[in-house]
Amino acid sequence: MQRFSISFMGALLGMSLITGPVEAGGAKVAITRTERCNNLSRQVDEALETHAASTQVTAAKALQRRGNRFCANKKQAQGIRMLANALKLLGVTPIDPDAVTPKTDLQGKETKP
């Protein structure tokens, strides 16, 4: 009986060592739409400060208000679109936390002989 419990505990320890790092390393926390709304609204605020001389400031502020209203009324997808459009009016690219920046390999290009 003692051998059985020792081997059983060893098996449990082995399984926990195998599955532990896989679960911890492979999981990426997804950002919620509400967090995305907050991040984009903050980005619009920063863009309005830096692009205060833009001719589209009034339209961007109106889109931001509409976007914030959509986000507050549980219509985050529409709010995210409005906030992204406000940023585009100001000439700013919305920061997407899920997007992977493509890497360009300038050294690896072939040269024509």
PDB file of N, CA and C in Angstrom:
ATOM      1  N   MET A   1       0.822  -1.195   0.000  1.00  0.00           N
ATOM      2  CA  MET A   1       0.000   0.000   0.000  1.00  0.00           C
ATOM      3  C   MET A   1       0.867   1.259   0.000  1.00  0.00           C
ATOM      4  N   GLN A   2       1.973   1.213   0.747  1.00  0.00           N
ATOM      5  CA  GLN A   2       2.849   2.376   0.814  1.00  0.00           C
ATOM      6  C   GLN A   2       3.518   2.599  -0.547  1.00  0.00           C
ATOM      7  N   ARG A   3       3.890   1.520  -1.241  1.00  0.00           N
ATOM      8  CA  ARG A   3       4.492   1.661  -2.564  1.00  0.00           C
ATOM      9  C   ARG A   3       3.507   2.303  -3.538  1.00  0.00           C
ATOM     10  N   PHE A   4       2.255   1.881  -3.424  1.00  0.00           N
ATOM     11  CA  PHE A   4       1.233   2.430  -4.308  1.00  0.00           C
ATOM     12  C   PHE A   4       1.072   3.934  -4.092  1.00  0.00           C
ATOM     13  N   SER A   5       1.014   4.369  -2.859  1.00  0.00           N
ATOM     14  CA  SER A   5       0.823   5.795  -2.586  1.00  0.00           C
ATOM     15  C   SER A   5       2.047   6.604  -2.996  1.00  0.00           C
ATOM     16  N   ILE A   6       3.239   6.053  -2.833  1.00  0.00           N
ATOM     17  CA  ILE A   6       4.454   6.762  -3.245  1.00  0.00           C
ATOM     18  C   ILE A   6       4.496   6.888  -4.766  1.00  0.00           C
ATOM     19  N   SER A   7       4.173   5.806  -5.464  1.00  0.00           N
ATOM     20  CA  SER A   7       4.196   5.866  -6.926  1.00  0.00           C
ATOM     21  C   SER A   7       3.080   6.772  -7.455  1.00  0.00           C
ATOM     22  N   PHE A   8       1.938   6.759  -6.776  1.00  0.00           N
ATOM     23  CA  PHE A   8       0.836   7.627  -7.175  1.00  0.00           C
ATOM     24  C   PHE A   8       1.222   9.095  -7.000  1.00  0.00           C
ATOM     25  N   MET A   9       1.849   9.425  -5.878  1.00  0.00           N
ATOM     26  CA  MET A   9       2.288  10.801  -5.639  1.00  0.00           C
ATOM     27  C   MET A   9       3.354  11.208  -6.659  1.00  0.00           C
ATOM     28  N   GLY A  10       4.235  10.279  -6.997  1.00  0.00           N
ATOM     29  CA  GLY A  10       5.257  10.567  -8.005  1.00  0.00           C
ATOM     30  C   GLY A  10       4.638  10.846  -9.367  1.00  0.00           C
ATOM     31  N   ALA A  11       3.608  10.076  -9.710  1.00  0.00           N
ATOM     32  CA  ALA A  11       2.925  10.292 -10.986  1.00  0.00           C
ATOM     33  C   ALA A  11       2.223  11.646 -11.005  1.00  0.00           C
ATOM     34  N   LEU A  12       1.576  12.003  -9.909  1.00  0.00           N
ATOM     35  CA  LEU A  12       0.913  13.308  -9.838  1.00  0.00           C
ATOM     36  C   LEU A  12       1.918  14.450  -9.955  1.00  0.00           C
ATOM     37  N   LEU A  13       3.052  14.306  -9.284  1.00  0.00           N
ATOM     38  CA  LEU A  13       4.086  15.332  -9.354  1.00  0.00           C
ATOM     39  C   LEU A  13       4.610  15.456 -10.779  1.00  0.00           C
ATOM     40  N   GLY A  14       4.837  14.328 -11.429  1.00  0.00           N
ATOM     41  CA  GLY A  14       5.325  14.349 -12.806  1.00  0.00           C
ATOM     42  C   GLY A  14       4.346  15.018 -13.753  1.00  0.00           C
ATOM     43  N   MET A  15       3.053  14.727 -13.588  1.00  0.00           N
ATOM     44  CA  MET A  15       2.050  15.341 -14.459  1.00  0.00           C
ATOM     45  C   MET A  15       1.946  16.837 -14.210  1.00  0.00           C
ATOM     46  N   SER A  16       2.079  17.255 -12.972  1.00  0.00           N
ATOM     47  CA  SER A  16       1.992  18.688 -12.691  1.00  0.00           C
ATOM     48  C   SER A  16       3.199  19.428 -13.254  1.00  0.00           C
ATOM     49  N   LEU A  17       4.363  18.787 -13.251  1.00  0.00           N
ATOM     50  CA  LEU A  17       5.553  19.417 -13.819  1.00  0.00           C
ATOM     51  C   LEU A  17       5.444  19.529 -15.335  1.00  0.00           C
ATOM     52  N   ILE A  18       4.805  18.563 -15.955  1.00  0.00           N
ATOM     53  CA  ILE A  18       4.675  18.581 -17.409  1.00  0.00           C
ATOM     54  C   ILE A  18       3.645  19.608 -17.856  1.00  0.00           C
ATOM     55  N   THR A  19       2.488  19.629 -17.221  1.00  0.00           N
ATOM     56  CA  THR A  19       1.411  20.511 -17.674  1.00  0.00           C
ATOM     57  C   THR A  19       1.531  21.933 -17.151  1.00  0.00           C
ATOM     58  N   GLY A  20       2.223  22.168 -16.077  1.00  0.00           N
ATOM     59  CA  GLY A  20       2.328  23.505 -15.491  1.00  0.00           C
ATOM     60  C   GLY A  20       2.934  24.535 -16.420  1.00  0.00           C
ATOM     61  N   PRO A  21       4.148  24.322 -16.949  1.00  0.00           N
ATOM     62  CA  PRO A  21       4.763  25.328 -17.811  1.00  0.00           C
ATOM     63  C   PRO A  21       4.013  25.542 -19.124  1.00  0.00           C
ATOM     64  N   VAL A  22       3.373  24.498 -19.638  1.00  0.00           N
ATOM     65  CA  VAL A  22       2.647  24.643 -20.892  1.00  0.00           C
ATOM     66  C   VAL A  22       1.474  25.591 -20.713  1.00  0.00           C
ATOM     67  N   GLU A  23       0.736  25.457 -19.640  1.00  0.00           N
ATOM     68  CA  GLU A  23      -0.416  26.314 -19.408  1.00  0.00           C
ATOM     69  C   GLU A  23       0.005  27.744 -19.109  1.00  0.00           C
ATOM     70  N   ALA A  24       1.069  27.914 -18.353  1.00  0.00           N
ATOM     71  CA  ALA A  24       1.490  29.259 -17.966  1.00  0.00           C
ATOM     72  C   ALA A  24       2.110  30.011 -19.138  1.00  0.00           C
ATOM     73  N   GLY A  25       2.909  29.338 -19.962  1.00  0.00           N
ATOM     74  CA  GLY A  25       3.611  30.018 -21.034  1.00  0.00           C
ATOM     75  C   GLY A  25       2.777  30.240 -22.274  1.00  0.00           C
ATOM     76  N   GLY A  26       1.827  29.370 -22.557  1.00  0.00           N
ATOM     77  CA  GLY A  26       1.084  29.462 -23.797  1.00  0.00           C
ATOM     78  C   GLY A  26      -0.125  30.366 -23.744  1.00  0.00           C
ATOM     79  N   ALA A  27      -0.572  30.723 -22.568  1.00  0.00           N
ATOM     80  CA  ALA A  27      -1.801  31.505 -22.458  1.00  0.00           C
ATOM     81  C   ALA A  27      -1.497  32.993 -22.556  1.00  0.00           C
ATOM     82  N   LYS A  28      -2.204  33.659 -23.462  1.00  0.00           N
ATOM     83  CA  LYS A  28      -2.084  35.109 -23.583  1.00  0.00           C
ATOM     84  C   LYS A  28      -3.420  35.704 -23.166  1.00  0.00           C
ATOM     85  N   VAL A  29      -3.364  36.669 -22.301  1.00  0.00           N
ATOM     86  CA  VAL A  29      -4.590  37.264 -21.786  1.00  0.00           C
ATOM     87  C   VAL A  29      -5.203  38.137 -22.880  1.00  0.00           C
ATOM     88  N   ALA A  30      -6.441  37.857 -23.206  1.00  0.00           N
ATOM     89  CA  ALA A  30      -7.137  38.636 -24.226  1.00  0.00           C
ATOM     90  C   ALA A  30      -7.663  39.931 -23.610  1.00  0.00           C
ATOM     91  N   ILE A  31      -7.578  40.990 -24.373  1.00  0.00           N
ATOM     92  CA  ILE A  31      -8.060  42.283 -23.906  1.00  0.00           C
ATOM     93  C   ILE A  31      -9.569  42.346 -24.180  1.00  0.00           C
ATOM     94  N   THR A  32     -10.311  42.850 -23.227  1.00  0.00           N
ATOM     95  CA  THR A  32     -11.761  42.943 -23.389  1.00  0.00           C
ATOM     96  C   THR A  32     -12.111  44.172 -24.224  1.00  0.00           C
ATOM     97  N   ARG A  33     -13.322  44.186 -24.731  1.00  0.00           N
ATOM     98  CA  ARG A  33     -13.759  45.331 -25.531  1.00  0.00           C
ATOM     99  C   ARG A  33     -13.842  46.601 -24.687  1.00  0.00           C
ATOM    100  N   THR A  34     -14.214  46.447 -23.431  1.00  0.00           N
ATOM    101  CA  THR A  34     -14.279  47.619 -22.550  1.00  0.00           C
ATOM    102  C   THR A  34     -12.890  48.216 -22.357  1.00  0.00           C
ATOM    103  N   GLU A  35     -11.886  47.357 -22.157  1.00  0.00           N
ATOM    104  CA  GLU A  35     -10.511  47.848 -22.024  1.00  0.00           C
ATOM    105  C   GLU A  35     -10.052  48.501 -23.318  1.00  0.00           C
ATOM    106  N   ARG A  36     -10.446  47.910 -24.446  1.00  0.00           N
ATOM    107  CA  ARG A  36     -10.083  48.473 -25.748  1.00  0.00           C
ATOM    108  C   ARG A  36     -10.710  49.859 -25.915  1.00  0.00           C
ATOM    109  N   CYS A  37     -11.966  50.008 -25.491  1.00  0.00           N
ATOM    110  CA  CYS A  37     -12.624  51.325 -25.533  1.00  0.00           C
ATOM    111  C   CYS A  37     -11.840  52.342 -24.711  1.00  0.00           C
ATOM    112  N   ASN A  38     -11.466  51.947 -23.506  1.00  0.00           N
ATOM    113  CA  ASN A  38     -10.725  52.860 -22.630  1.00  0.00           C
ATOM    114  C   ASN A  38      -9.378  53.236 -23.230  1.00  0.00           C
ATOM    115  N   ASN A  39      -8.675  52.248 -23.797  1.00  0.00           N
ATOM    116  CA  ASN A  39      -7.364  52.523 -24.394  1.00  0.00           C
ATOM    117  C   ASN A  39      -7.484  53.467 -25.586  1.00  0.00           C
ATOM    118  N   LEU A  40      -8.481  53.229 -26.441  1.00  0.00           N
ATOM    119  CA  LEU A  40      -8.651  54.094 -27.612  1.00  0.00           C
ATOM    120  C   LEU A  40      -9.085  55.502 -27.214  1.00  0.00           C
ATOM    121  N   SER A  41      -9.944  55.614 -26.214  1.00  0.00           N
ATOM    122  CA  SER A  41     -10.373  56.934 -25.762  1.00  0.00           C
ATOM    123  C   SER A  41      -9.186  57.720 -25.207  1.00  0.00           C
ATOM    124  N   ARG A  42      -8.337  57.038 -24.465  1.00  0.00           N
ATOM    125  CA  ARG A  42      -7.126  57.676 -23.940  1.00  0.00           C
ATOM    126  C   ARG A  42      -6.208  58.098 -25.089  1.00  0.00           C
ATOM    127  N   GLN A  43      -6.119  57.243 -26.113  1.00  0.00           N
ATOM    128  CA  GLN A  43      -5.277  57.572 -27.259  1.00  0.00           C
ATOM    129  C   GLN A  43      -5.840  58.779 -28.021  1.00  0.00           C
ATOM    130  N   VAL A  44      -7.158  58.882 -28.118  1.00  0.00           N
ATOM    131  CA  VAL A  44      -7.775  60.046 -28.772  1.00  0.00           C
ATOM    132  C   VAL A  44      -7.468  61.310 -27.970  1.00  0.00           C
ATOM    133  N   ASP A  45      -7.544  61.229 -26.641  1.00  0.00           N
ATOM    134  CA  ASP A  45      -7.211  62.391 -25.802  1.00  0.00           C
ATOM    135  C   ASP A  45      -5.787  62.863 -26.065  1.00  0.00           C
ATOM    136  N   GLU A  46      -4.848  61.921 -26.122  1.00  0.00           N
ATOM    137  CA  GLU A  46      -3.451  62.273 -26.373  1.00  0.00           C
ATOM    138  C   GLU A  46      -3.281  62.860 -27.771  1.00  0.00           C
ATOM    139  N   ALA A  47      -3.983  62.284 -28.749  1.00  0.00           N
ATOM    140  CA  ALA A  47      -3.876  62.782 -30.120  1.00  0.00           C
ATOM    141  C   ALA A  47      -4.468  64.183 -30.239  1.00  0.00           C
ATOM    142  N   LEU A  48      -5.538  64.454 -29.504  1.00  0.00           N
ATOM    143  CA  LEU A  48      -6.133  65.796 -29.539  1.00  0.00           C
ATOM    144  C   LEU A  48      -5.178  66.834 -28.955  1.00  0.00           C
ATOM    145  N   GLU A  49      -4.412  66.449 -27.942  1.00  0.00           N
ATOM    146  CA  GLU A  49      -3.435  67.376 -27.355  1.00  0.00           C
ATOM    147  C   GLU A  49      -2.300  67.665 -28.329  1.00  0.00           C
ATOM    148  N   THR A  50      -1.824  66.627 -29.001  1.00  0.00           N
ATOM    149  CA  THR A  50      -0.669  66.808 -29.888  1.00  0.00           C
ATOM    150  C   THR A  50      -1.058  67.367 -31.251  1.00  0.00           C
ATOM    151  N   HIS A  51      -2.303  67.165 -31.677  1.00  0.00           N
ATOM    152  CA  HIS A  51      -2.757  67.650 -32.979  1.00  0.00           C
ATOM    153  C   HIS A  51      -3.820  68.740 -32.817  1.00  0.00           C
ATOM    154  N   ALA A  52      -3.612  69.625 -31.877  1.00  0.00           N
ATOM    155  CA  ALA A  52      -4.603  70.665 -31.567  1.00  0.00           C
ATOM    156  C   ALA A  52      -4.829  71.615 -32.737  1.00  0.00           C
ATOM    157  N   ALA A  53      -3.859  71.746 -33.619  1.00  0.00           N
ATOM    158  CA  ALA A  53      -3.983  72.672 -34.741  1.00  0.00           C
ATOM    159  C   ALA A  53      -4.659  72.034 -35.952  1.00  0.00           C
ATOM    160  N   SER A  54      -5.009  70.780 -35.860  1.00  0.00           N
ATOM    161  CA  SER A  54      -5.635  70.085 -36.982  1.00  0.00           C
ATOM    162  C   SER A  54      -7.009  70.669 -37.286  1.00  0.00           C
ATOM    163  N   THR A  55      -7.371  70.635 -38.561  1.00  0.00           N
ATOM    164  CA  THR A  55      -8.677  71.160 -38.966  1.00  0.00           C
ATOM    165  C   THR A  55      -9.807  70.203 -38.601  1.00  0.00           C
ATOM    166  N   GLN A  56      -9.485  68.983 -38.256  1.00  0.00           N
ATOM    167  CA  GLN A  56     -10.487  67.957 -37.970  1.00  0.00           C
ATOM    168  C   GLN A  56     -10.740  67.756 -36.476  1.00  0.00           C
ATOM    169  N   VAL A  57     -10.257  68.658 -35.631  1.00  0.00           N
ATOM    170  CA  VAL A  57     -10.379  68.485 -34.180  1.00  0.00           C
ATOM    171  C   VAL A  57     -11.838  68.416 -33.744  1.00  0.00           C
ATOM    172  N   THR A  58     -12.681  69.286 -34.269  1.00  0.00           N
ATOM    173  CA  THR A  58     -14.092  69.306 -33.866  1.00  0.00           C
ATOM    174  C   THR A  58     -14.787  68.003 -34.238  1.00  0.00           C
ATOM    175  N   ALA A  59     -14.535  67.527 -35.448  1.00  0.00           N
ATOM    176  CA  ALA A  59     -15.147  66.270 -35.888  1.00  0.00           C
ATOM    177  C   ALA A  59     -14.618  65.094 -35.073  1.00  0.00           C
ATOM    178  N   ALA A  60     -13.324  65.120 -34.750  1.00  0.00           N
ATOM    179  CA  ALA A  60     -12.736  64.039 -33.955  1.00  0.00           C
ATOM    180  C   ALA A  60     -13.317  64.019 -32.542  1.00  0.00           C
ATOM    181  N   LYS A  61     -13.529  65.200 -31.960  1.00  0.00           N
ATOM    182  CA  LYS A  61     -14.131  65.264 -30.618  1.00  0.00           C
ATOM    183  C   LYS A  61     -15.561  64.731 -30.637  1.00  0.00           C
ATOM    184  N   ALA A  62     -16.299  65.050 -31.702  1.00  0.00           N
ATOM    185  CA  ALA A  62     -17.672  64.551 -31.818  1.00  0.00           C
ATOM    186  C   ALA A  62     -17.677  63.027 -31.937  1.00  0.00           C
ATOM    187  N   LEU A  63     -16.759  62.486 -32.737  1.00  0.00           N
ATOM    188  CA  LEU A  63     -16.665  61.027 -32.867  1.00  0.00           C
ATOM    189  C   LEU A  63     -16.251  60.384 -31.547  1.00  0.00           C
ATOM    190  N   GLN A  64     -15.372  61.059 -30.816  1.00  0.00           N
ATOM    191  CA  GLN A  64     -14.959  60.523 -29.518  1.00  0.00           C
ATOM    192  C   GLN A  64     -16.138  60.476 -28.549  1.00  0.00           C
ATOM    193  N   ARG A  65     -16.932  61.543 -28.518  1.00  0.00           N
ATOM    194  CA  ARG A  65     -18.108  61.550 -27.638  1.00  0.00           C
ATOM    195  C   ARG A  65     -19.079  60.434 -28.006  1.00  0.00           C
ATOM    196  N   ARG A  66     -19.332  60.277 -29.309  1.00  0.00           N
ATOM    197  CA  ARG A  66     -20.236  59.205 -29.752  1.00  0.00           C
ATOM    198  C   ARG A  66     -19.661  57.838 -29.412  1.00  0.00           C
ATOM    199  N   GLY A  67     -18.352  57.672 -29.618  1.00  0.00           N
ATOM    200  CA  GLY A  67     -17.706  56.398 -29.300  1.00  0.00           C
ATOM    201  C   GLY A  67     -17.780  56.073 -27.822  1.00  0.00           C
ATOM    202  N   ASN A  68     -17.525  57.072 -26.988  1.00  0.00           N
ATOM    203  CA  ASN A  68     -17.612  56.861 -25.538  1.00  0.00           C
ATOM    204  C   ASN A  68     -19.038  56.527 -25.113  1.00  0.00           C
ATOM    205  N   ARG A  69     -20.010  57.155 -25.766  1.00  0.00           N
ATOM    206  CA  ARG A  69     -21.410  56.872 -25.455  1.00  0.00           C
ATOM    207  C   ARG A  69     -21.769  55.430 -25.829  1.00  0.00           C
ATOM    208  N   PHE A  70     -21.309  54.989 -27.011  1.00  0.00           N
ATOM    209  CA  PHE A  70     -21.552  53.603 -27.416  1.00  0.00           C
ATOM    210  C   PHE A  70     -20.911  52.631 -26.430  1.00  0.00           C
ATOM    211  N   CYS A  71     -19.669  52.923 -26.041  1.00  0.00           N
ATOM    212  CA  CYS A  71     -18.965  52.034 -25.102  1.00  0.00           C
ATOM    213  C   CYS A  71     -19.695  51.963 -23.762  1.00  0.00           C
ATOM    214  N   ALA A  72     -20.217  53.083 -23.303  1.00  0.00           N
ATOM    215  CA  ALA A  72     -20.925  53.113 -22.023  1.00  0.00           C
ATOM    216  C   ALA A  72     -22.265  52.386 -22.088  1.00  0.00           C
ATOM    217  N   ASN A  73     -22.854  52.316 -23.283  1.00  0.00           N
ATOM    218  CA  ASN A  73     -24.155  51.667 -23.456  1.00  0.00           C
ATOM    219  C   ASN A  73     -24.035  50.221 -23.927  1.00  0.00           C
ATOM    220  N   LYS A  74     -22.915  49.579 -23.622  1.00  0.00           N
ATOM    221  CA  LYS A  74     -22.685  48.165 -23.941  1.00  0.00           C
ATOM    222  C   LYS A  74     -22.679  47.878 -25.442  1.00  0.00           C
ATOM    223  N   LYS A  75     -22.295  48.869 -26.234  1.00  0.00           N
ATOM    224  CA  LYS A  75     -22.151  48.686 -27.678  1.00  0.00           C
ATOM    225  C   LYS A  75     -20.694  48.974 -28.037  1.00  0.00           C
ATOM    226  N   GLN A  76     -19.809  48.155 -27.443  1.00  0.00           N
ATOM    227  CA  GLN A  76     -18.383  48.425 -27.554  1.00  0.00           C
ATOM    228  C   GLN A  76     -17.863  48.345 -28.984  1.00  0.00           C
ATOM    229  N   ALA A  77     -18.391  47.434 -29.797  1.00  0.00           N
ATOM    230  CA  ALA A  77     -17.888  47.300 -31.165  1.00  0.00           C
ATOM    231  C   ALA A  77     -18.104  48.596 -31.946  1.00  0.00           C
ATOM    232  N   GLN A  78     -19.282  49.193 -31.799  1.00  0.00           N
ATOM    233  CA  GLN A  78     -19.550  50.460 -32.472  1.00  0.00           C
ATOM    234  C   GLN A  78     -18.700  51.579 -31.880  1.00  0.00           C
ATOM    235  N   GLY A  79     -18.516  51.562 -30.573  1.00  0.00           N
ATOM    236  CA  GLY A  79     -17.688  52.570 -29.927  1.00  0.00           C
ATOM    237  C   GLY A  79     -16.242  52.495 -30.370  1.00  0.00           C
ATOM    238  N   ILE A  80     -15.731  51.277 -30.496  1.00  0.00           N
ATOM    239  CA  ILE A  80     -14.348  51.089 -30.947  1.00  0.00           C
ATOM    240  C   ILE A  80     -14.183  51.634 -32.358  1.00  0.00           C
ATOM    241  N   ARG A  81     -15.162  51.382 -33.227  1.00  0.00           N
ATOM    242  CA  ARG A  81     -15.089  51.908 -34.597  1.00  0.00           C
ATOM    243  C   ARG A  81     -15.101  53.433 -34.606  1.00  0.00           C
ATOM    244  N   MET A  82     -15.961  54.032 -33.783  1.00  0.00           N
ATOM    245  CA  MET A  82     -16.032  55.498 -33.719  1.00  0.00           C
ATOM    246  C   MET A  82     -14.715  56.094 -33.228  1.00  0.00           C
ATOM    247  N   LEU A  83     -14.154  55.499 -32.188  1.00  0.00           N
ATOM    248  CA  LEU A  83     -12.896  56.011 -31.637  1.00  0.00           C
ATOM    249  C   LEU A  83     -11.755  55.841 -32.636  1.00  0.00           C
ATOM    250  N   ALA A  84     -11.738  54.712 -33.345  1.00  0.00           N
ATOM    251  CA  ALA A  84     -10.699  54.496 -34.357  1.00  0.00           C
ATOM    252  C   ALA A  84     -10.844  55.505 -35.494  1.00  0.00           C
ATOM    253  N   ASN A  85     -12.077  55.809 -35.882  1.00  0.00           N
ATOM    254  CA  ASN A  85     -12.294  56.814 -36.931  1.00  0.00           C
ATOM    255  C   ASN A  85     -11.866  58.204 -36.471  1.00  0.00           C
ATOM    256  N   ALA A  86     -12.065  58.513 -35.197  1.00  0.00           N
ATOM    257  CA  ALA A  86     -11.613  59.802 -34.662  1.00  0.00           C
ATOM    258  C   ALA A  86     -10.095  59.911 -34.760  1.00  0.00           C
ATOM    259  N   LEU A  87      -9.411  58.822 -34.443  1.00  0.00           N
ATOM    260  CA  LEU A  87      -7.951  58.831 -34.547  1.00  0.00           C
ATOM    261  C   LEU A  87      -7.502  58.989 -35.994  1.00  0.00           C
ATOM    262  N   LYS A  88      -8.182  58.314 -36.898  1.00  0.00           N
ATOM    263  CA  LYS A  88      -7.810  58.405 -38.312  1.00  0.00           C
ATOM    264  C   LYS A  88      -8.022  59.815 -38.853  1.00  0.00           C
ATOM    265  N   LEU A  89      -9.067  60.495 -38.373  1.00  0.00           N
ATOM    266  CA  LEU A  89      -9.284  61.886 -38.786  1.00  0.00           C
ATOM    267  C   LEU A  89      -8.110  62.775 -38.397  1.00  0.00           C
ATOM    268  N   LEU A  90      -7.517  62.461 -37.262  1.00  0.00           N
ATOM    269  CA  LEU A  90      -6.380  63.253 -36.781  1.00  0.00           C
ATOM    270  C   LEU A  90      -5.060  62.799 -37.400  1.00  0.00           C
ATOM    271  N   GLY A  91      -5.110  61.759 -38.214  1.00  0.00           N
ATOM    272  CA  GLY A  91      -3.901  61.258 -38.859  1.00  0.00           C
ATOM    273  C   GLY A  91      -3.083  60.338 -37.982  1.00  0.00           C
ATOM    274  N   VAL A  92      -3.726  59.736 -36.989  1.00  0.00           N
ATOM    275  CA  VAL A  92      -3.038  58.842 -36.057  1.00  0.00           C
ATOM    276  C   VAL A  92      -3.530  57.419 -36.296  1.00  0.00           C
ATOM    277  N   THR A  93      -2.604  56.474 -36.307  1.00  0.00           N
ATOM    278  CA  THR A  93      -2.973  55.072 -36.453  1.00  0.00           C
ATOM    279  C   THR A  93      -3.348  54.516 -35.090  1.00  0.00           C
ATOM    280  N   PRO A  94      -4.542  53.926 -34.965  1.00  0.00           N
ATOM    281  CA  PRO A  94      -4.939  53.345 -33.679  1.00  0.00           C
ATOM    282  C   PRO A  94      -3.996  52.218 -33.277  1.00  0.00           C
ATOM    283  N   ILE A  95      -3.603  52.208 -32.013  1.00  0.00           N
ATOM    284  CA  ILE A  95      -2.715  51.163 -31.513  1.00  0.00           C
ATOM    285  C   ILE A  95      -3.546  49.927 -31.250  1.00  0.00           C
ATOM    286  N   ASP A  96      -3.170  48.817 -31.893  1.00  0.00           N
ATOM    287  CA  ASP A  96      -3.872  47.552 -31.709  1.00  0.00           C
ATOM    288  C   ASP A  96      -2.954  46.621 -30.934  1.00  0.00           C
ATOM    289  N   PRO A  97      -3.309  46.268 -29.702  1.00  0.00           N
ATOM    290  CA  PRO A  97      -2.422  45.432 -28.893  1.00  0.00           C
ATOM    291  C   PRO A  97      -2.258  44.019 -29.422  1.00  0.00           C
ATOM    292  N   ASP A  98      -3.193  43.554 -30.249  1.00  0.00           N
ATOM    293  CA  ASP A  98      -3.106  42.200 -30.774  1.00  0.00           C
ATOM    294  C   ASP A  98      -2.325  42.120 -32.073  1.00  0.00           C
ATOM    295  N   ALA A  99      -2.096  43.244 -32.709  1.00  0.00           N
ATOM    296  CA  ALA A  99      -1.420  43.237 -33.998  1.00  0.00           C
ATOM    297  C   ALA A  99       0.068  42.980 -33.816  1.00  0.00           C
ATOM    298  N   VAL A 100       0.612  42.197 -34.724  1.00  0.00           N
ATOM    299  CA  VAL A 100       2.039  41.906 -34.723  1.00  0.00           C
ATOM    300  C   VAL A 100       2.679  42.802 -35.765  1.00  0.00           C
ATOM    301  N   THR A 101       3.687  43.533 -35.362  1.00  0.00           N
ATOM    302  CA  THR A 101       4.375  44.425 -36.277  1.00  0.00           C
ATOM    303  C   THR A 101       5.234  43.606 -37.228  1.00  0.00           C
ATOM    304  N   PRO A 102       5.032  43.754 -38.539  1.00  0.00           N
ATOM    305  CA  PRO A 102       5.849  42.987 -39.475  1.00  0.00           C
ATOM    306  C   PRO A 102       7.283  43.489 -39.457  1.00  0.00           C
ATOM    307  N   LYS A 103       8.193  42.554 -39.500  1.00  0.00           N
ATOM    308  CA  LYS A 103       9.609  42.906 -39.501  1.00  0.00           C
ATOM    309  C   LYS A 103      10.113  42.863 -40.940  1.00  0.00           C
ATOM    310  N   THR A 104      10.818  43.900 -41.330  1.00  0.00           N
ATOM    311  CA  THR A 104      11.375  43.925 -42.671  1.00  0.00           C
ATOM    312  C   THR A 104      12.836  43.547 -42.590  1.00  0.00           C
ATOM    313  N   ASP A 105      13.238  42.701 -43.500  1.00  0.00           N
ATOM    314  CA  ASP A 105      14.613  42.234 -43.532  1.00  0.00           C
ATOM    315  C   ASP A 105      15.328  42.955 -44.668  1.00  0.00           C
ATOM    316  N   LEU A 106      15.987  44.051 -44.336  1.00  0.00           N
ATOM    317  CA  LEU A 106      16.668  44.831 -45.356  1.00  0.00           C
ATOM    318  C   LEU A 106      17.994  44.204 -45.763  1.00  0.00           C
ATOM    319  N   GLN A 107      18.635  43.441 -44.875  1.00  0.00           N
ATOM    320  CA  GLN A 107      19.915  42.822 -45.176  1.00  0.00           C
ATOM    321  C   GLN A 107      19.733  41.586 -46.063  1.00  0.00           C
ATOM    322  N   GLY A 108      18.600  40.936 -45.983  1.00  0.00           N
ATOM    323  CA  GLY A 108      18.393  39.680 -46.690  1.00  0.00           C
ATOM    324  C   GLY A 108      17.915  39.835 -48.121  1.00  0.00           C
ATOM    325  N   LYS A 109      17.753  41.061 -48.617  1.00  0.00           N
ATOM    326  CA  LYS A 109      17.279  41.249 -49.984  1.00  0.00           C
ATOM    327  C   LYS A 109      18.376  40.879 -50.970  1.00  0.00           C
ATOM    328  N   GLU A 110      17.927  40.263 -52.048  1.00  0.00           N
ATOM    329  CA  GLU A 110      18.893  39.881 -53.075  1.00  0.00           C
ATOM    330  C   GLU A 110      19.222  41.095 -53.933  1.00  0.00           C
ATOM    331  N   THR A 111      20.456  41.163 -54.361  1.00  0.00           N
ATOM    332  CA  THR A 111      20.866  42.238 -55.250  1.00  0.00           C
ATOM    333  C   THR A 111      21.023  41.677 -56.646  1.00  0.00           C
ATOM    334  N   LYS A 112      20.679  42.474 -57.627  1.00  0.00           N
ATOM    335  CA  LYS A 112      20.795  42.025 -59.013  1.00  0.00           C
ATOM    336  C   LYS A 112      22.248  42.146 -59.450  1.00  0.00           C
ATOM    337  N   PRO A 113      22.772  41.122 -60.130  1.00  0.00           N
ATOM    338  CA  PRO A 113      24.177  41.185 -60.580  1.00  0.00           C
ATOM    339  C   PRO A 113      24.377  42.091 -61.758  1.00  0.00           C
TER     340      PRO A 113
END
